[in-house]
């Protein structure tokens, strides 16, 4: 197999760099598997961010729903009903 030369423009051997990065990632993953405290901490932090994202997402969905109900409040047939629903949600 012929030896690959580095990129003449940058002087970087991308294959060698890619193998080094891959090896570092594999080693980091193996270190994570062998460290129970790190696994627990990682799961805890992931859970916090998942919970925070859920709360923010639900808040945005409810705000959007309230806005849509407010916009539909002027419709003749279902407007009064939706206005009442919107007021009930706002009051609670």
Protein backbone atom coordinates (compact mmCIF):
# COMPACT_ATOMS: atom_id res chain seq x y z
CA UNK A 1 0.00 0.00 0.00
CA UNK A 2 1.37 3.37 -0.99
CA UNK A 3 1.95 5.95 1.69
CA UNK A 4 -0.47 8.85 1.44
CA UNK A 5 0.96 12.32 1.31
CA UNK A 6 -0.49 15.25 3.20
CA UNK A 7 -2.67 17.78 1.42
CA UNK A 8 -0.25 20.00 -0.50
CA UNK A 9 -2.30 23.14 0.22
CA UNK A 10 -2.49 22.74 3.98
CA UNK A 11 0.16 20.16 4.82
CA UNK A 12 -2.36 18.15 6.84
CA UNK A 13 -2.73 14.38 6.49
CA UNK A 14 -6.50 14.10 6.90
CA UNK A 15 -6.55 10.30 7.14
CA UNK A 16 -4.09 10.36 10.01
CA UNK A 17 -6.04 13.16 11.69
CA UNK A 18 -9.32 11.26 11.25
CA UNK A 19 -7.86 8.10 12.79
CA UNK A 20 -6.53 10.09 15.76
CA UNK A 21 -9.91 11.75 16.38
CA UNK A 22 -11.72 8.42 16.08
CA UNK A 23 -9.32 6.79 18.52
CA UNK A 24 -9.80 9.65 21.00
CA UNK A 25 -13.60 9.31 20.77
CA UNK A 26 -13.45 5.55 21.26
CA UNK A 27 -11.16 5.98 24.25
CA UNK A 28 -13.48 8.60 25.76
CA UNK A 29 -16.45 6.25 25.32
CA UNK A 30 -14.57 3.37 26.95
CA UNK A 31 -13.63 5.65 29.84
CA UNK A 32 -17.30 6.59 30.25
CA UNK A 33 -18.35 2.93 30.35
CA UNK A 34 -15.82 2.20 33.06
CA UNK A 35 -16.76 5.14 35.29
CA UNK A 36 -20.10 4.67 37.07
CA UNK A 37 -20.05 8.10 38.73
CA UNK A 38 -19.56 9.77 35.35
CA UNK A 39 -22.45 7.76 33.88
CA UNK A 40 -24.75 8.80 36.74
CA UNK A 41 -23.71 12.45 36.42
CA UNK A 42 -24.22 12.36 32.65
CA UNK A 43 -27.70 10.83 33.05
CA UNK A 44 -28.59 13.43 35.69
CA UNK A 45 -27.53 16.37 33.52
CA UNK A 46 -29.29 14.88 30.50
CA UNK A 47 -32.48 14.50 32.58
CA UNK A 48 -32.31 18.13 33.73
CA UNK A 49 -32.03 19.36 30.14
CA UNK A 50 -34.81 17.06 28.94
CA UNK A 51 -37.09 18.33 31.72
CA UNK A 52 -36.21 21.95 31.00
CA UNK A 53 -36.86 21.46 27.28
CA UNK A 54 -40.20 19.82 28.01
CA UNK A 55 -41.32 22.69 30.23
CA UNK A 56 -40.24 25.35 27.73
CA UNK A 57 -41.87 23.46 24.84
CA UNK A 58 -45.15 22.98 26.70
CA UNK A 59 -45.19 26.66 27.65
CA UNK A 60 -44.76 27.68 24.03
CA UNK A 61 -47.49 25.30 22.86
CA UNK A 62 -49.96 26.58 25.46
CA UNK A 63 -49.10 30.20 24.61
CA UNK A 64 -49.65 29.47 20.92
CA UNK A 65 -52.95 27.76 21.69
CA UNK A 66 -54.12 30.74 23.73
CA UNK A 67 -53.13 33.11 20.94
CA UNK A 68 -55.03 31.03 18.37
CA UNK A 69 -58.11 30.92 20.63
CA UNK A 70 -57.90 34.68 21.04
CA UNK A 71 -57.66 35.15 17.25
CA UNK A 72 -60.65 32.86 16.65
CA UNK A 73 -62.72 34.74 19.24
CA UNK A 74 -64.28 36.88 16.50
CA UNK A 75 -65.87 33.99 14.59
CA UNK A 76 -69.67 34.13 14.72
CA UNK A 77 -70.57 30.49 15.46
CA UNK A 78 -67.78 29.16 17.63
CA UNK A 79 -66.28 32.47 18.64
CA UNK A 80 -68.19 32.82 21.89
CA UNK A 81 -67.41 29.24 22.88
CA UNK A 82 -63.69 29.66 22.14
CA UNK A 83 -63.66 33.03 23.90
CA UNK A 84 -65.09 31.34 27.01
CA UNK A 85 -62.52 28.55 26.81
CA UNK A 86 -59.73 31.09 26.44
CA UNK A 87 -60.97 33.10 29.40
CA UNK A 88 -61.25 29.95 31.50
CA UNK A 89 -57.66 28.98 30.65
CA UNK A 90 -56.41 32.50 31.39
CA UNK A 91 -58.17 32.64 34.75
CA UNK A 92 -56.59 29.40 36.00
